[in-house]
Amino acid sequence: MRMSLAPTNTVESALSVVRTKVGRVKRWTSGRQAEHWVGMGLLAAEAGFRRIRGHRLIPMLQTALRRAIGAEVAMPNPALATG
């Protein structure tokens, strides 16, 4: 999974598709419309995504990250504390 997620090619590819879709819009009427077009571009990019190796391990990764984040929140760094 690390080899699939480490490079930024996937993100760059998705943003390239978004740029192509959004670049065609001539007039923006609101921020909501911009969100709409970015979402549509990401959905179009999604069609080209492939399943990453180790995708079945993602729930285990989520659990480990939640534990790590919870431990950081529960035990703040005393060096950063003021007072």
C-alpha atoms as a PDB file:
ATOM      1  CA  MET A   1       0.000   0.000   0.000  1.00  0.00           C
ATOM      2  CA  ARG A   2       2.893   2.344   0.763  1.00  0.00           C
ATOM      3  CA  MET A   3       4.180   2.069  -2.796  1.00  0.00           C
ATOM      4  CA  SER A   4       0.763   3.037  -4.130  1.00  0.00           C
ATOM      5  CA  LEU A   5       0.183   5.979  -1.767  1.00  0.00           C
ATOM      6  CA  ALA A   6       3.708   7.409  -1.457  1.00  0.00           C
ATOM      7  CA  PRO A   7       4.070   9.009  -4.914  1.00  0.00           C
ATOM      8  CA  THR A   8       1.976  12.053  -5.725  1.00  0.00           C
ATOM      9  CA  ASN A   9       1.177  10.899  -9.268  1.00  0.00           C
ATOM     10  CA  THR A  10      -2.399   9.923  -8.385  1.00  0.00           C
ATOM     11  CA  VAL A  11      -3.163  13.312  -6.856  1.00  0.00           C
ATOM     12  CA  GLU A  12      -1.464  15.173  -9.690  1.00  0.00           C
ATOM     13  CA  SER A  13      -3.391  13.150 -12.248  1.00  0.00           C
ATOM     14  CA  ALA A  14      -6.715  13.847 -10.528  1.00  0.00           C
ATOM     15  CA  LEU A  15      -5.956  17.564 -10.292  1.00  0.00           C
ATOM     16  CA  SER A  16      -5.002  17.605 -13.962  1.00  0.00           C
ATOM     17  CA  VAL A  17      -8.430  16.225 -14.870  1.00  0.00           C
ATOM     18  CA  VAL A  18     -10.083  18.814 -12.594  1.00  0.00           C
ATOM     19  CA  ARG A  19      -8.025  21.583 -14.218  1.00  0.00           C
ATOM     20  CA  THR A  20      -9.165  20.412 -17.656  1.00  0.00           C
ATOM     21  CA  LYS A  21     -12.834  20.363 -16.643  1.00  0.00           C
ATOM     22  CA  VAL A  22     -12.731  23.640 -14.707  1.00  0.00           C
ATOM     23  CA  GLY A  23     -10.708  25.373 -17.408  1.00  0.00           C
ATOM     24  CA  ARG A  24     -13.687  25.131 -19.734  1.00  0.00           C
ATOM     25  CA  VAL A  25     -15.936  27.169 -17.435  1.00  0.00           C
ATOM     26  CA  LYS A  26     -16.017  30.802 -18.571  1.00  0.00           C
ATOM     27  CA  ARG A  27     -18.152  32.469 -15.892  1.00  0.00           C
ATOM     28  CA  TRP A  28     -18.289  31.643 -12.206  1.00  0.00           C
ATOM     29  CA  THR A  29     -21.442  32.814 -10.486  1.00  0.00           C
ATOM     30  CA  SER A  30     -20.612  31.612  -6.977  1.00  0.00           C
ATOM     31  CA  GLY A  31     -18.262  29.578  -4.828  1.00  0.00           C
ATOM     32  CA  ARG A  32     -20.890  26.875  -4.767  1.00  0.00           C
ATOM     33  CA  GLN A  33     -20.647  26.562  -8.533  1.00  0.00           C
ATOM     34  CA  ALA A  34     -16.847  26.242  -8.275  1.00  0.00           C
ATOM     35  CA  GLU A  35     -17.294  23.431  -5.733  1.00  0.00           C
ATOM     36  CA  HIS A  36     -19.700  21.756  -8.130  1.00  0.00           C
ATOM     37  CA  TRP A  37     -17.236  21.822 -11.027  1.00  0.00           C
ATOM     38  CA  VAL A  38     -14.336  20.613  -8.888  1.00  0.00           C
ATOM     39  CA  GLY A  39     -16.530  17.754  -7.657  1.00  0.00           C
ATOM     40  CA  MET A  40     -17.502  16.874 -11.205  1.00  0.00           C
ATOM     41  CA  GLY A  41     -13.839  16.905 -12.230  1.00  0.00           C
ATOM     42  CA  LEU A  42     -12.919  14.585  -9.356  1.00  0.00           C
ATOM     43  CA  LEU A  43     -15.740  12.219 -10.300  1.00  0.00           C
ATOM     44  CA  ALA A  44     -14.439  12.175 -13.864  1.00  0.00           C
ATOM     45  CA  ALA A  45     -10.909  11.456 -12.557  1.00  0.00           C
ATOM     46  CA  GLU A  46     -12.252   8.669 -10.352  1.00  0.00           C
ATOM     47  CA  ALA A  47     -13.152   6.674 -13.448  1.00  0.00           C
ATOM     48  CA  GLY A  48      -9.448   6.351 -14.223  1.00  0.00           C
ATOM     49  CA  PHE A  49      -8.372   5.244 -10.735  1.00  0.00           C
ATOM     50  CA  ARG A  50      -7.261   1.683 -10.137  1.00  0.00           C
ATOM     51  CA  ARG A  51      -7.568  -0.295  -6.940  1.00  0.00           C
ATOM     52  CA  ILE A  52      -4.398  -0.035  -4.874  1.00  0.00           C
ATOM     53  CA  ARG A  53      -2.492  -3.028  -3.606  1.00  0.00           C
ATOM     54  CA  GLY A  54      -3.389  -3.765  -0.016  1.00  0.00           C
ATOM     55  CA  HIS A  55      -6.770  -2.033  -0.223  1.00  0.00           C
ATOM     56  CA  ARG A  56      -8.204  -4.610   2.161  1.00  0.00           C
ATOM     57  CA  LEU A  57      -5.845  -3.324   4.869  1.00  0.00           C
ATOM     58  CA  ILE A  58      -7.275   0.212   4.819  1.00  0.00           C
ATOM     59  CA  PRO A  59      -9.687  -0.412   7.758  1.00  0.00           C
ATOM     60  CA  MET A  60      -6.729  -1.603   9.851  1.00  0.00           C
ATOM     61  CA  LEU A  61      -4.783   1.534   8.838  1.00  0.00           C
ATOM     62  CA  GLN A  62      -7.733   3.740   9.821  1.00  0.00           C
ATOM     63  CA  THR A  63      -7.907   2.101  13.241  1.00  0.00           C
ATOM     64  CA  ALA A  64      -4.167   2.565  13.806  1.00  0.00           C
ATOM     65  CA  LEU A  65      -4.356   6.222  12.761  1.00  0.00           C
ATOM     66  CA  ARG A  66      -7.310   6.872  15.063  1.00  0.00           C
ATOM     67  CA  ARG A  67      -5.388   5.329  17.964  1.00  0.00           C
ATOM     68  CA  ALA A  68      -2.305   7.408  17.161  1.00  0.00           C
ATOM     69  CA  ILE A  69      -4.318  10.611  16.884  1.00  0.00           C
ATOM     70  CA  GLY A  70      -6.201   9.787  20.079  1.00  0.00           C
ATOM     71  CA  ALA A  71      -2.905   9.226  21.901  1.00  0.00           C
ATOM     72  CA  GLU A  72      -1.602  12.596  20.694  1.00  0.00           C
ATOM     73  CA  VAL A  73      -4.753  14.378  21.843  1.00  0.00           C
ATOM     74  CA  ALA A  74      -4.742  12.597  25.208  1.00  0.00           C
ATOM     75  CA  MET A  75      -1.052  13.330  25.850  1.00  0.00           C
ATOM     76  CA  PRO A  76      -0.125  16.792  24.547  1.00  0.00           C
ATOM     77  CA  ASN A  77       3.542  17.638  24.225  1.00  0.00           C
ATOM     78  CA  PRO A  78       4.594  19.288  27.535  1.00  0.00           C
ATOM     79  CA  ALA A  79       7.333  21.227  25.733  1.00  0.00           C
ATOM     80  CA  LEU A  80       4.636  23.099  23.827  1.00  0.00           C
ATOM     81  CA  ALA A  81       2.579  23.932  26.916  1.00  0.00           C
ATOM     82  CA  THR A  82       2.642  27.554  28.022  1.00  0.00           C
ATOM     83  CA  GLY A  83       2.325  28.851  31.528  1.00  0.00           C
END
